[in-house]
Amino acid sequence: MLKLLILASYDRVFEHVIGNFSLTISEVSLSNDFKNAHLYVIPFGISAADVIINELNQKRHLLNLPLSRNTNLKYLPKLNFVYDHSFDHAARISNILTNIEDQNSSKLED
């Protein structure tokens, strides 16, 4: 539920802050005590993802008010935006498998 609240608040809060590009929040991971939340994000349409991650972390306080209004938690989690490397890893694995298939195909042709 917290992920849905963050996503809904993100659209309203961050659109004017970080510009016009697409951002996917792939996962929200909460600590056991709900004091920290890691938001794994993938920015699209920009080459410097680290700049966007830094900007999001600097502006994360803008999400506090909408989250506090819509939750009934003792503590509002501290949001930490993190670049999600899972798609990069998946692409690397796919390239390795493709290379192996190509090598096996060329061996069969010989």
C-alpha atoms as a PDB file:
ATOM      1  CA  MET A   1       0.000   0.000   0.000  1.00  0.00           C
ATOM      2  CA  LEU A   2       2.843   2.380   0.782  1.00  0.00           C
ATOM      3  CA  LYS A   3       4.199   1.861  -2.738  1.00  0.00           C
ATOM      4  CA  LEU A   4       0.873   2.955  -4.215  1.00  0.00           C
ATOM      5  CA  LEU A   5       0.820   6.054  -2.019  1.00  0.00           C
ATOM      6  CA  ILE A   6       4.370   6.914  -3.018  1.00  0.00           C
ATOM      7  CA  LEU A   7       3.564   6.445  -6.704  1.00  0.00           C
ATOM      8  CA  ALA A   8       0.445   8.598  -6.475  1.00  0.00           C
ATOM      9  CA  SER A   9       2.282  11.309  -4.565  1.00  0.00           C
ATOM     10  CA  TYR A  10       5.268  11.151  -6.898  1.00  0.00           C
ATOM     11  CA  ASP A  11       3.187  12.058  -9.935  1.00  0.00           C
ATOM     12  CA  ARG A  12       1.802  15.161  -8.270  1.00  0.00           C
ATOM     13  CA  VAL A  13       4.942  16.302  -6.459  1.00  0.00           C
ATOM     14  CA  PHE A  14       7.952  15.551  -8.650  1.00  0.00           C
ATOM     15  CA  GLU A  15       6.704  16.347 -12.150  1.00  0.00           C
ATOM     16  CA  HIS A  16       7.649  20.001 -11.860  1.00  0.00           C
ATOM     17  CA  VAL A  17      10.830  19.339  -9.882  1.00  0.00           C
ATOM     18  CA  ILE A  18      12.880  16.982 -12.039  1.00  0.00           C
ATOM     19  CA  GLY A  19      11.743  17.717 -15.545  1.00  0.00           C
ATOM     20  CA  ASN A  20      10.119  15.842 -18.361  1.00  0.00           C
ATOM     21  CA  PHE A  21      11.285  12.246 -18.465  1.00  0.00           C
ATOM     22  CA  SER A  22       9.916   8.877 -17.523  1.00  0.00           C
ATOM     23  CA  LEU A  23      10.752   7.221 -14.227  1.00  0.00           C
ATOM     24  CA  THR A  24       9.808   3.728 -13.082  1.00  0.00           C
ATOM     25  CA  ILE A  25       9.707   2.836  -9.410  1.00  0.00           C
ATOM     26  CA  SER A  26      10.327  -0.890  -9.653  1.00  0.00           C
ATOM     27  CA  GLU A  27      10.341  -1.736  -5.963  1.00  0.00           C
ATOM     28  CA  VAL A  28       9.793  -0.199  -2.548  1.00  0.00           C
ATOM     29  CA  SER A  29      11.615  -1.960   0.249  1.00  0.00           C
ATOM     30  CA  LEU A  30      10.705  -1.079   3.834  1.00  0.00           C
ATOM     31  CA  SER A  31      12.817  -1.790   6.888  1.00  0.00           C
ATOM     32  CA  ASN A  32      11.258  -3.933   9.606  1.00  0.00           C
ATOM     33  CA  ASP A  33      10.619  -0.911  11.814  1.00  0.00           C
ATOM     34  CA  PHE A  34       9.146   1.130   8.897  1.00  0.00           C
ATOM     35  CA  LYS A  35      11.644   3.940   9.525  1.00  0.00           C
ATOM     36  CA  ASN A  36      13.462   3.581   6.199  1.00  0.00           C
ATOM     37  CA  ALA A  37      12.224   2.929   2.687  1.00  0.00           C
ATOM     38  CA  HIS A  38      14.412   2.236  -0.334  1.00  0.00           C
ATOM     39  CA  LEU A  39      12.774   3.143  -3.617  1.00  0.00           C
ATOM     40  CA  TYR A  40      14.451   1.381  -6.536  1.00  0.00           C
ATOM     41  CA  VAL A  41      14.021   3.540  -9.618  1.00  0.00           C
ATOM     42  CA  ILE A  42      14.885   3.379 -13.305  1.00  0.00           C
ATOM     43  CA  PRO A  43      14.965   6.736 -15.108  1.00  0.00           C
ATOM     44  CA  PHE A  44      14.311   6.641 -18.855  1.00  0.00           C
ATOM     45  CA  GLY A  45      15.092   9.320 -21.384  1.00  0.00           C
ATOM     46  CA  ILE A  46      18.168  10.654 -19.626  1.00  0.00           C
ATOM     47  CA  SER A  47      21.804   9.610 -19.857  1.00  0.00           C
ATOM     48  CA  ALA A  48      22.927  10.667 -16.370  1.00  0.00           C
ATOM     49  CA  ALA A  49      20.819   8.546 -14.038  1.00  0.00           C
ATOM     50  CA  ASP A  50      22.998   9.398 -11.049  1.00  0.00           C
ATOM     51  CA  VAL A  51      22.091  13.082 -11.417  1.00  0.00           C
ATOM     52  CA  ILE A  52      18.394  12.245 -11.267  1.00  0.00           C
ATOM     53  CA  ILE A  53      18.874   9.914  -8.280  1.00  0.00           C
ATOM     54  CA  ASN A  54      20.708  12.693  -6.431  1.00  0.00           C
ATOM     55  CA  GLU A  55      17.978  15.187  -7.315  1.00  0.00           C
ATOM     56  CA  LEU A  56      15.275  12.805  -6.094  1.00  0.00           C
ATOM     57  CA  ASN A  57      17.103  12.269  -2.809  1.00  0.00           C
ATOM     58  CA  GLN A  58      17.501  16.016  -2.330  1.00  0.00           C
ATOM     59  CA  LYS A  59      13.777  16.618  -2.970  1.00  0.00           C
ATOM     60  CA  ARG A  60      12.422  13.577  -1.090  1.00  0.00           C
ATOM     61  CA  HIS A  61      11.087  15.816   1.681  1.00  0.00           C
ATOM     62  CA  LEU A  62       8.389  16.974  -0.759  1.00  0.00           C
ATOM     63  CA  LEU A  63       6.774  13.536  -0.477  1.00  0.00           C
ATOM     64  CA  ASN A  64       6.524  13.667   3.318  1.00  0.00           C
ATOM     65  CA  LEU A  65       3.346  15.755   3.517  1.00  0.00           C
ATOM     66  CA  PRO A  66       1.259  13.675   1.080  1.00  0.00           C
ATOM     67  CA  LEU A  67       2.474  10.461   2.709  1.00  0.00           C
ATOM     68  CA  SER A  68       1.767  11.650   6.237  1.00  0.00           C
ATOM     69  CA  ARG A  69      -1.773  12.655   5.245  1.00  0.00           C
ATOM     70  CA  ASN A  70      -2.534   9.260   3.731  1.00  0.00           C
ATOM     71  CA  THR A  71      -0.912   6.902   6.222  1.00  0.00           C
ATOM     72  CA  ASN A  72      -1.475   6.071   9.837  1.00  0.00           C
ATOM     73  CA  LEU A  73       2.088   5.114  10.730  1.00  0.00           C
ATOM     74  CA  LYS A  74       3.849   5.990  13.958  1.00  0.00           C
ATOM     75  CA  TYR A  75       6.926   6.959  11.951  1.00  0.00           C
ATOM     76  CA  LEU A  76       7.024   8.227   8.423  1.00  0.00           C
ATOM     77  CA  PRO A  77       9.754   6.277   6.614  1.00  0.00           C
ATOM     78  CA  LYS A  78      12.832   8.135   5.407  1.00  0.00           C
ATOM     79  CA  LEU A  79      12.827   7.734   1.637  1.00  0.00           C
ATOM     80  CA  ASN A  80      16.040   6.789  -0.124  1.00  0.00           C
ATOM     81  CA  PHE A  81      16.036   6.638  -3.925  1.00  0.00           C
ATOM     82  CA  VAL A  82      18.380   4.006  -5.371  1.00  0.00           C
ATOM     83  CA  TYR A  83      19.155   3.172  -8.996  1.00  0.00           C
ATOM     84  CA  ASP A  84      17.764  -0.251  -9.904  1.00  0.00           C
ATOM     85  CA  HIS A  85      20.453  -2.265 -11.689  1.00  0.00           C
ATOM     86  CA  SER A  86      18.259  -5.310 -12.316  1.00  0.00           C
ATOM     87  CA  PHE A  87      17.515  -4.389 -15.951  1.00  0.00           C
ATOM     88  CA  ASP A  88      21.209  -3.790 -16.609  1.00  0.00           C
ATOM     89  CA  HIS A  89      22.017  -7.212 -15.154  1.00  0.00           C
ATOM     90  CA  ALA A  90      19.262  -8.852 -17.193  1.00  0.00           C
ATOM     91  CA  ALA A  91      20.585  -7.267 -20.406  1.00  0.00           C
ATOM     92  CA  ARG A  92      24.117  -8.440 -19.603  1.00  0.00           C
ATOM     93  CA  ILE A  93      22.919 -12.004 -18.982  1.00  0.00           C
ATOM     94  CA  SER A  94      20.910 -11.937 -22.200  1.00  0.00           C
ATOM     95  CA  ASN A  95      24.005 -10.834 -24.153  1.00  0.00           C
ATOM     96  CA  ILE A  96      26.089 -13.616 -22.607  1.00  0.00           C
ATOM     97  CA  LEU A  97      23.464 -16.236 -23.491  1.00  0.00           C
ATOM     98  CA  THR A  98      23.193 -14.887 -27.040  1.00  0.00           C
ATOM     99  CA  ASN A  99      26.973 -15.097 -27.447  1.00  0.00           C
ATOM    100  CA  ILE A 100      26.965 -18.690 -26.193  1.00  0.00           C
ATOM    101  CA  GLU A 101      24.196 -19.607 -28.646  1.00  0.00           C
ATOM    102  CA  ASP A 102      26.089 -17.954 -31.500  1.00  0.00           C
ATOM    103  CA  GLN A 103      29.272 -19.827 -30.600  1.00  0.00           C
ATOM    104  CA  ASN A 104      27.419 -23.146 -30.429  1.00  0.00           C
ATOM    105  CA  SER A 105      25.737 -22.467 -33.778  1.00  0.00           C
ATOM    106  CA  SER A 106      29.046 -21.691 -35.454  1.00  0.00           C
ATOM    107  CA  LYS A 107      30.602 -24.896 -34.034  1.00  0.00           C
ATOM    108  CA  LEU A 108      27.733 -26.976 -35.402  1.00  0.00           C
ATOM    109  CA  GLU A 109      28.173 -25.422 -38.854  1.00  0.00           C
ATOM    110  CA  ASP A 110      31.874 -26.335 -38.918  1.00  0.00           C
END
